[in-house]
């Protein structure tokens, strides 16, 4: 069975969870080919694993006009009816207005190039990550190629504009949808017809705990770590404000910031304005191995974000037995147990953030206890090998294997009751 993995840009330094998933599925014996709309820049190639994946990935853009025309002509000749149905689907799911129509035309053109490649490489199933514009291309390509498709639904951004990206139609046409959390699945259920709820499966992103050496904690700590995209939505301005408060009682506290992004200059300027230059260090993108090294020198991992799914960076920290402080949003509480493996604070509350960080830095025994609980949670329910095994079963046409005790291993009770009363056909 040959499976295509498709997203907008691959591999990126910020999407290592997709790379891990691809590698783990190959280890399970699946033949995975990777496709993307665009090739990532060299700034994303922070390790050999990214270089290998970039070298073996097919990129739709840039393309030659003649190649584009030939791809669509081949699809039209092969099945005029299917091609016309795909045109109708593109028209039906276009965003409103002339701009939306123009973008949809671009997506359809890209989908034709992808569909031709899927046919030429004898792909039997198309799977998409990041279901906005790339998801639209994937849906149209599957229609043009006559292939089943599925996707992994992350959030949170697609939930801000679900109608623009026609999440309802993507769910309806998919063979199955992988939801990264119970929260994510609940949002998908809003836009899915009742009979599709059983096709919404929870498959976590994951990490390999064996790669992370547990950190030993003792005494007072002072080293904080943030990893992520450098954007204000990640809550870094709140974290900097918290550092100003923390320095009153812990003047030696330091924060390392791993990552890059559009707001880096703005954030660096904020650090200068708050006179935190000796406290905050920006180190840019780092490879997966380097991130693990930084975790070994960390007392507390902090993620004050306003918008997340279930952050893989928190899984990495917890796998290294580093206690975390994060915001109580979306699916984070499904990973972090407040007061047991870390602290969850209200988003945007600098004082609450500083208080939680201070409580952990002051108490080495508490950090050690939280770290042990966090690592056990990752081993239990966010292990990449267990999660890709569940995904493997979905690709092979079976039911997902339940690994997380939070997730029921049977069809939701409410749905089963409705089927018996209303005679809704079971899939």
Protein backbone atom coordinates (compact mmCIF):
# COMPACT_ATOMS: atom_id res chain seq x y z
CA UNK A 1 0.00 0.00 0.00
CA UNK A 2 1.48 3.32 -1.08
CA UNK A 3 0.42 6.37 0.91
CA UNK A 4 1.03 10.02 0.05
CA UNK A 5 1.62 12.52 2.85
CA UNK A 6 0.85 16.06 1.78
CA UNK A 7 1.04 19.51 3.35
CA UNK A 8 1.76 23.10 2.37
CA UNK A 9 5.48 23.08 3.14
CA UNK A 10 7.57 20.10 4.20
CA UNK A 11 9.77 19.62 6.11
CA UNK A 12 9.74 22.68 8.34
CA UNK A 13 11.63 23.21 11.57
CA UNK A 14 8.30 23.94 13.27
CA UNK A 15 6.58 20.75 12.04
CA UNK A 16 8.88 18.04 13.34
CA UNK A 17 5.82 16.06 14.50
CA UNK A 18 4.95 15.33 10.86
CA UNK A 19 8.47 14.14 10.17
CA UNK A 20 8.39 11.85 13.20
CA UNK A 21 5.06 10.42 12.09
CA UNK A 22 6.32 9.73 8.57
CA UNK A 23 9.46 8.00 9.83
CA UNK A 24 7.52 5.91 12.36
CA UNK A 25 4.97 4.81 9.75
CA UNK A 26 7.80 3.70 7.48
CA UNK A 27 9.17 1.68 10.38
CA UNK A 28 5.74 0.02 10.61
CA UNK A 29 6.21 -1.09 7.00
CA UNK A 30 4.14 1.46 5.09
CA UNK A 31 5.45 2.94 1.84
CA UNK A 32 5.15 6.69 2.46
CA UNK A 33 5.87 9.28 -0.23
CA UNK A 34 5.89 12.95 0.74
CA UNK A 35 4.48 15.85 -1.26
CA UNK A 36 4.16 19.56 -0.55
CA UNK A 37 3.11 22.74 -2.29
CA UNK A 38 6.40 24.54 -1.65
CA UNK A 39 9.96 23.67 -0.81
CA UNK A 40 11.14 25.04 2.58
CA UNK A 41 14.05 27.43 2.78
CA UNK A 42 17.41 26.50 4.19
CA UNK A 43 16.51 28.10 7.53
CA UNK A 44 14.21 25.12 8.16
CA UNK A 45 16.94 22.54 7.50
CA UNK A 46 18.33 22.39 11.01
CA UNK A 47 19.32 18.73 11.00
CA UNK A 48 20.11 15.77 8.78
CA UNK A 49 16.58 14.44 9.18
CA UNK A 50 15.14 17.58 7.55
CA UNK A 51 17.68 17.40 4.72
CA UNK A 52 16.81 13.78 3.97
CA UNK A 53 13.10 14.52 3.90
CA UNK A 54 13.49 17.57 1.68
CA UNK A 55 15.59 15.60 -0.79
CA UNK A 56 12.91 12.92 -1.23
CA UNK A 57 9.81 15.19 -1.31
CA UNK A 58 7.97 16.20 -4.51
CA UNK A 59 7.10 19.91 -4.68
CA UNK A 60 4.24 21.27 -6.78
CA UNK A 61 5.69 24.77 -7.07
CA UNK A 62 7.38 26.17 -8.98
CA UNK A 63 6.09 24.45 -12.11
CA UNK A 64 6.27 24.98 -15.85
CA UNK A 65 3.14 26.04 -17.71
CA UNK A 66 3.46 23.17 -20.17
CA UNK A 67 3.75 20.62 -17.35
CA UNK A 68 0.67 22.12 -15.73
CA UNK A 69 -1.39 21.89 -18.93
CA UNK A 70 -0.24 18.34 -19.66
CA UNK A 71 -1.12 17.20 -16.15
CA UNK A 72 -4.66 18.53 -16.35
CA UNK A 73 -5.09 17.29 -19.92
CA UNK A 74 -4.07 13.77 -18.87
CA UNK A 75 -6.60 13.83 -16.02
CA UNK A 76 -9.35 15.11 -18.32
CA UNK A 77 -8.71 12.46 -20.97
CA UNK A 78 -8.47 9.68 -18.40
CA UNK A 79 -11.87 10.45 -16.87
CA UNK A 80 -13.87 13.42 -18.20
CA UNK A 81 -16.69 12.74 -15.76
CA UNK A 82 -14.41 12.67 -12.73
CA UNK A 83 -12.65 15.82 -13.91
CA UNK A 84 -15.96 17.65 -14.33
CA UNK A 85 -17.09 16.51 -10.86
CA UNK A 86 -13.85 17.89 -9.41
CA UNK A 87 -14.49 21.20 -11.17
CA UNK A 88 -17.93 21.30 -9.59
CA UNK A 89 -16.42 20.52 -6.17
CA UNK A 90 -13.92 23.35 -6.58
CA UNK A 91 -16.71 25.77 -7.50
CA UNK A 92 -18.89 24.59 -4.62
CA UNK A 93 -16.14 25.00 -1.99
CA UNK A 94 -14.63 28.27 -3.21
CA UNK A 95 -14.36 31.16 -0.81
CA UNK A 96 -16.77 34.02 -1.58
CA UNK A 97 -15.82 36.93 -3.82
CA UNK A 98 -13.52 37.29 -6.79
CA UNK A 99 -10.42 36.89 -4.61
CA UNK A 100 -11.75 33.65 -3.17
CA UNK A 101 -12.51 32.40 -6.66
CA UNK A 102 -9.01 33.27 -7.86
CA UNK A 103 -7.39 31.43 -4.96
CA UNK A 104 -9.60 28.44 -5.61
CA UNK A 105 -8.41 28.41 -9.20
CA UNK A 106 -4.82 28.29 -7.94
CA UNK A 107 -5.70 25.42 -5.59
CA UNK A 108 -7.37 23.51 -8.42
CA UNK A 109 -4.36 23.98 -10.67
CA UNK A 110 -2.06 22.72 -7.92
CA UNK A 111 -4.40 19.82 -7.23
CA UNK A 112 -4.13 18.72 -10.87
CA UNK A 113 -0.35 18.55 -10.68
CA UNK A 114 -0.56 16.59 -7.42
CA UNK A 115 -3.22 14.23 -8.80
CA UNK A 116 -1.07 13.45 -11.85
CA UNK A 117 1.85 12.58 -9.57
CA UNK A 118 -0.37 10.41 -7.38
CA UNK A 119 -1.45 8.47 -10.47
CA UNK A 120 2.05 8.16 -11.88
CA UNK A 121 3.46 6.94 -8.56
CA UNK A 122 0.55 4.50 -8.06
CA UNK A 123 -0.49 6.03 -4.75
CA UNK A 124 -3.48 4.34 -3.15
CA UNK A 125 -4.33 6.81 -0.36
CA UNK A 126 -3.73 10.53 0.22
CA UNK A 127 -3.29 11.92 3.74
CA UNK A 128 -3.08 15.63 4.54
CA UNK A 129 -1.69 17.56 7.51
CA UNK A 130 -2.82 21.16 8.19
CA UNK A 131 -6.30 21.23 6.69
CA UNK A 132 -6.63 24.83 5.48
CA UNK A 133 -5.34 25.66 1.96
CA UNK A 134 -3.27 22.47 1.74
CA UNK A 135 -6.36 20.54 2.80
CA UNK A 136 -8.31 22.11 -0.05
CA UNK A 137 -5.63 21.07 -2.55
CA UNK A 138 -5.66 17.56 -1.08
CA UNK A 139 -9.45 17.26 -1.28
CA UNK A 140 -9.47 18.40 -4.93
CA UNK A 141 -6.51 16.20 -5.85
CA UNK A 142 -8.22 13.16 -4.34
CA UNK A 143 -11.35 13.95 -6.38
CA UNK A 144 -9.30 14.35 -9.59
CA UNK A 145 -7.32 11.15 -8.99
CA UNK A 146 -10.26 9.10 -7.73
CA UNK A 147 -8.46 8.27 -4.49
CA UNK A 148 -9.61 8.08 -0.87
CA UNK A 149 -8.19 10.79 1.34
CA UNK A 150 -7.94 11.55 5.03
CA UNK A 151 -6.45 14.32 7.09
CA UNK A 152 -5.09 15.20 10.49
CA UNK A 153 -6.98 18.04 12.13
CA UNK A 154 -4.84 20.14 14.44
CA UNK A 155 -6.40 23.52 15.12
CA UNK A 156 -6.64 26.04 16.44
CA UNK A 157 -6.50 28.31 13.41
CA UNK A 158 -8.85 26.40 11.14
CA UNK A 159 -11.50 26.67 13.88
CA UNK A 160 -11.29 30.45 13.56
CA UNK A 161 -12.46 30.25 9.93
CA UNK A 162 -14.11 26.83 9.46
CA UNK A 163 -16.59 28.02 6.84
CA UNK A 164 -13.92 29.75 4.79
CA UNK A 165 -11.97 26.49 4.57
CA UNK A 166 -15.10 24.34 4.21
CA UNK A 167 -14.17 22.07 7.07
CA UNK A 168 -17.62 20.50 6.82
CA UNK A 169 -17.06 19.32 3.24
CA UNK A 170 -13.57 18.04 3.97
CA UNK A 171 -14.86 15.96 6.88
CA UNK A 172 -17.80 14.69 4.82
CA UNK A 173 -15.59 13.54 1.94
CA UNK A 174 -12.76 12.08 4.04
CA UNK A 175 -12.36 8.39 4.70
CA UNK A 176 -11.39 9.29 8.27
CA UNK A 177 -10.10 12.27 10.25
CA UNK A 178 -7.34 12.12 12.84
CA UNK A 179 -8.04 14.58 15.66
CA UNK A 180 -5.11 15.41 17.93
CA UNK A 181 -7.22 15.75 21.09
CA UNK A 182 -10.69 15.34 22.52
CA UNK A 183 -11.10 19.10 22.29
CA UNK A 184 -10.15 19.01 18.61
CA UNK A 185 -12.60 16.17 17.97
CA UNK A 186 -15.39 18.07 19.69
CA UNK A 187 -14.82 21.04 17.39
CA UNK A 188 -14.86 18.76 14.35
CA UNK A 189 -18.15 17.26 15.53
CA UNK A 190 -19.74 20.71 15.27
CA UNK A 191 -19.19 20.67 11.51
CA UNK A 192 -19.63 16.94 10.86
CA UNK A 193 -22.93 15.19 10.20
CA UNK A 194 -23.86 12.74 12.92
CA UNK A 195 -23.06 9.69 10.82
CA UNK A 196 -19.46 10.93 10.37
CA UNK A 197 -18.71 11.23 14.09
CA UNK A 198 -17.56 7.60 14.14
CA UNK A 199 -14.91 8.49 11.54
CA UNK A 200 -13.35 11.15 13.78
CA UNK A 201 -10.54 9.34 15.57
CA UNK A 202 -8.19 10.65 18.21
CA UNK A 203 -4.60 10.10 17.15
CA UNK A 204 -2.17 12.18 19.14
CA UNK A 205 0.98 13.74 17.85
CA UNK A 206 3.77 12.10 19.76
CA UNK A 207 7.42 11.82 20.65
CA UNK A 208 9.79 8.94 21.33
CA UNK A 209 10.42 9.03 25.11
CA UNK A 210 13.47 6.81 24.67
CA UNK A 211 15.31 9.72 23.03
CA UNK A 212 14.93 11.92 26.11
CA UNK A 213 17.17 11.51 29.15
CA UNK A 214 15.20 12.41 32.31
CA UNK A 215 16.49 15.55 33.99
CA UNK A 216 17.45 15.29 37.66
CA UNK A 217 16.16 18.20 39.75
CA UNK A 218 17.42 19.47 43.07
CA UNK A 219 17.54 22.71 44.96
CA UNK A 220 16.56 26.08 43.61
CA UNK A 221 16.34 26.39 39.84
CA UNK A 222 16.85 29.38 37.57
CA UNK A 223 16.78 28.14 33.96
CA UNK A 224 13.66 28.51 31.81
CA UNK A 225 13.14 27.33 28.24
CA UNK A 226 10.65 28.32 25.54
CA UNK A 227 10.50 26.58 22.16
CA UNK A 228 8.19 27.66 19.36
CA UNK A 229 7.34 30.09 16.61
CA UNK A 230 8.30 33.65 17.48
CA UNK A 231 4.91 35.29 17.24
CA UNK A 232 3.05 37.37 19.80
CA UNK A 233 0.23 34.81 19.78
CA UNK A 234 2.62 32.49 21.60
CA UNK A 235 2.38 34.80 24.60
CA UNK A 236 6.04 35.78 24.81
CA UNK A 237 5.24 39.41 25.76
CA UNK A 238 3.41 38.04 28.80
CA UNK A 239 6.39 35.83 29.64
CA UNK A 240 8.75 38.81 29.44
CA UNK A 241 6.46 40.72 31.79
CA UNK A 242 6.55 37.76 34.16
CA UNK A 243 10.33 37.73 34.06
CA UNK A 244 10.34 41.32 35.31
CA UNK A 245 8.32 40.19 38.31
CA UNK A 246 10.42 37.07 38.88
CA UNK A 247 13.70 38.93 38.92
CA UNK A 248 12.68 40.63 42.17
CA UNK A 249 12.94 37.34 44.05
CA UNK A 250 15.18 35.39 41.63
CA UNK A 251 17.59 37.86 40.04
CA UNK A 252 19.59 35.02 38.45
CA UNK A 253 16.64 33.63 36.44
CA UNK A 254 17.40 33.14 32.71
CA UNK A 255 15.24 32.28 29.72
CA UNK A 256 16.40 30.59 26.51
CA UNK A 257 14.15 31.11 23.48
CA UNK A 258 14.43 28.52 20.71
CA UNK A 259 12.73 29.29 17.39
CA UNK A 260 12.21 32.01 14.87
CA UNK A 261 9.35 33.83 13.22
CA UNK A 262 7.85 37.02 11.88
CA UNK A 263 7.76 38.79 15.26
CA UNK A 264 11.34 38.10 16.32
CA UNK A 265 12.53 41.69 15.85
CA UNK A 266 9.52 43.00 17.76
CA UNK A 267 10.14 40.60 20.63
CA UNK A 268 13.84 41.37 20.77
CA UNK A 269 12.99 45.07 20.96
CA UNK A 270 10.61 44.39 23.83
CA UNK A 271 13.41 42.60 25.68
CA UNK A 272 15.64 45.65 25.23
CA UNK A 273 12.93 48.04 26.39
CA UNK A 274 12.37 45.99 29.54
CA UNK A 275 16.14 45.74 30.14
CA UNK A 276 16.09 41.94 30.00
CA UNK A 277 19.06 41.51 27.67
CA UNK A 278 21.04 39.65 30.36
CA UNK A 279 18.03 37.46 31.13
CA UNK A 280 16.68 36.40 27.72
CA UNK A 281 18.71 34.66 25.00
CA UNK A 282 17.35 34.11 21.49
CA UNK A 283 19.12 31.17 19.83
CA UNK A 284 17.00 30.68 16.66
CA UNK A 285 15.98 27.34 15.19
CA UNK A 286 17.68 24.25 16.56
CA UNK A 287 17.70 20.63 15.46
CA UNK A 288 15.75 17.99 17.36
CA UNK A 289 18.96 16.72 18.92
CA UNK A 290 19.96 20.23 20.00
CA UNK A 291 16.54 20.83 21.56
CA UNK A 292 17.02 17.69 23.64
CA UNK A 293 20.39 19.05 24.78
CA UNK A 294 18.80 22.34 25.83
CA UNK A 295 16.15 20.44 27.80
CA UNK A 296 18.91 18.75 29.79
CA UNK A 297 19.95 22.19 31.06
CA UNK A 298 16.39 23.33 31.89
CA UNK A 299 14.58 23.59 35.21
CA UNK A 300 11.14 24.65 33.90
CA UNK A 301 9.64 24.73 30.42
CA UNK A 302 7.23 27.62 29.77
CA UNK A 303 4.59 27.99 27.04
CA UNK A 304 2.31 31.02 27.66
CA UNK A 305 0.50 30.69 24.32
CA UNK A 306 -2.97 32.00 23.46
CA UNK A 307 -3.71 29.47 20.69
CA UNK A 308 -2.59 25.84 20.56
CA UNK A 309 -3.72 22.33 19.82
CA UNK A 310 -1.71 19.95 22.00
CA UNK A 311 1.83 21.32 21.74
CA UNK A 312 4.53 18.79 20.89
CA UNK A 313 7.09 21.01 22.63
CA UNK A 314 5.29 20.30 25.92
CA UNK A 315 5.49 16.56 25.18
CA UNK A 316 9.23 16.89 24.59
CA UNK A 317 9.76 18.74 27.86
CA UNK A 318 7.65 16.24 29.80
CA UNK A 319 9.45 13.31 28.15
CA UNK A 320 12.66 14.83 29.54
CA UNK A 321 11.02 14.99 32.99
CA UNK A 322 11.02 18.78 32.91
CA UNK A 323 7.98 20.31 34.66
CA UNK A 324 5.97 22.71 32.52
CA UNK A 325 3.97 25.89 32.96
CA UNK A 326 1.41 26.46 30.21
CA UNK A 327 -1.90 28.16 29.57
CA UNK A 328 -5.21 26.45 30.21
CA UNK A 329 -6.48 26.44 26.62
CA UNK A 330 -7.74 23.97 24.00
CA UNK A 331 -6.37 20.44 24.53
CA UNK A 332 -3.41 21.26 26.76
CA UNK A 333 -5.19 19.96 29.87
CA UNK A 334 -5.39 16.54 28.16
CA UNK A 335 -1.60 16.42 28.29
CA UNK A 336 -0.67 18.44 31.39
CA UNK A 337 -2.30 17.57 34.71
CA UNK A 338 -2.48 20.84 36.67
CA UNK A 339 -0.65 20.51 39.96
CA UNK A 340 0.73 17.07 39.06
CA UNK A 341 2.97 17.38 35.99
CA UNK A 342 2.95 21.15 35.70
CA UNK A 343 0.86 24.24 36.24
CA UNK A 344 -1.86 25.60 33.96
CA UNK A 345 -2.51 29.32 34.22
CA UNK A 346 -5.03 31.69 32.63
CA UNK A 347 -3.79 33.01 29.28
CA UNK A 348 -2.59 36.60 29.37
CA UNK A 349 -2.09 36.67 33.16
CA UNK A 350 1.53 37.67 33.81
CA UNK A 351 1.21 37.51 37.60
CA UNK A 352 -0.27 33.98 37.57
CA UNK A 353 2.46 32.89 35.16
CA UNK A 354 5.22 34.35 37.35
CA UNK A 355 3.72 32.78 40.48
CA UNK A 356 3.59 29.31 38.91
CA UNK A 357 7.15 29.55 37.58
CA UNK A 358 8.42 30.79 40.94
CA UNK A 359 6.75 27.91 42.81
CA UNK A 360 8.59 25.39 40.64
CA UNK A 361 11.95 27.13 40.60
CA UNK A 362 11.95 27.36 44.40
CA UNK A 363 11.24 23.65 44.98
CA UNK A 364 13.55 21.00 43.50
CA UNK A 365 11.55 18.11 44.98
CA UNK A 366 8.34 19.39 43.40
CA UNK A 367 10.08 19.74 40.04
CA UNK A 368 11.30 16.16 40.33
CA UNK A 369 7.83 14.82 41.21
CA UNK A 370 6.15 16.78 38.41
CA UNK A 371 8.81 15.64 35.96
CA UNK A 372 8.26 11.96 36.77
CA UNK A 373 4.49 12.26 36.38
CA UNK A 374 4.89 14.15 33.11
CA UNK A 375 7.23 11.59 31.59
CA UNK A 376 4.86 8.77 32.57
CA UNK A 377 1.98 10.60 30.87
CA UNK A 378 3.92 10.93 27.62
CA UNK A 379 4.98 7.28 27.73
CA UNK A 380 1.38 6.25 28.31
CA UNK A 381 -0.55 8.32 25.78
CA UNK A 382 1.75 10.42 23.59
CA UNK A 383 4.31 7.85 22.47
CA UNK A 384 4.91 8.22 18.74
CA UNK A 385 5.20 4.46 18.22
CA UNK A 386 1.83 3.76 19.84
CA UNK A 387 0.09 6.61 18.03
CA UNK A 388 1.43 5.68 14.59
CA UNK A 389 0.37 2.10 15.23
CA UNK A 390 -3.18 3.41 15.61
CA UNK A 391 -2.78 5.43 12.43
CA UNK A 392 -1.41 2.37 10.64
CA UNK A 393 -4.57 0.44 11.48
CA UNK A 394 -6.70 3.27 10.10
CA UNK A 395 -4.74 3.27 6.83
CA UNK A 396 -5.17 -0.49 6.59
CA UNK A 397 -8.93 -0.11 6.94
CA UNK A 398 -9.32 -1.18 10.54
CA UNK A 399 -10.39 0.63 13.68
CA UNK A 400 -7.93 2.68 15.67
CA UNK A 401 -6.47 1.02 18.76
CA UNK A 402 -7.29 2.84 21.97
CA UNK A 403 -4.14 3.75 23.91
CA UNK A 404 -5.29 6.74 25.92
CA UNK A 405 -7.57 5.93 28.86
CA UNK A 406 -9.31 9.26 28.24
CA UNK A 407 -10.54 7.95 24.93
CA UNK A 408 -13.38 5.39 24.74
CA UNK A 409 -12.45 2.34 22.72
CA UNK A 410 -16.00 1.92 21.47
CA UNK A 411 -18.42 4.08 19.54
CA UNK A 412 -19.80 6.96 21.64
CA UNK A 413 -22.70 5.81 23.79
CA UNK A 414 -24.94 8.62 22.55
CA UNK A 415 -24.35 7.65 18.93
CA UNK A 416 -25.09 3.98 19.60
CA UNK A 417 -28.32 4.92 21.34
CA UNK A 418 -29.37 7.13 18.44
CA UNK A 419 -28.61 4.36 15.97
CA UNK A 420 -30.91 1.99 17.80
CA UNK A 421 -33.71 4.54 18.07
CA UNK A 422 -33.42 6.31 14.75
CA UNK A 423 -31.97 3.43 12.70
CA UNK A 424 -28.93 5.45 11.62
CA UNK A 425 -26.82 3.04 9.54
CA UNK A 426 -23.53 2.04 11.16
CA UNK A 427 -20.40 2.38 9.11
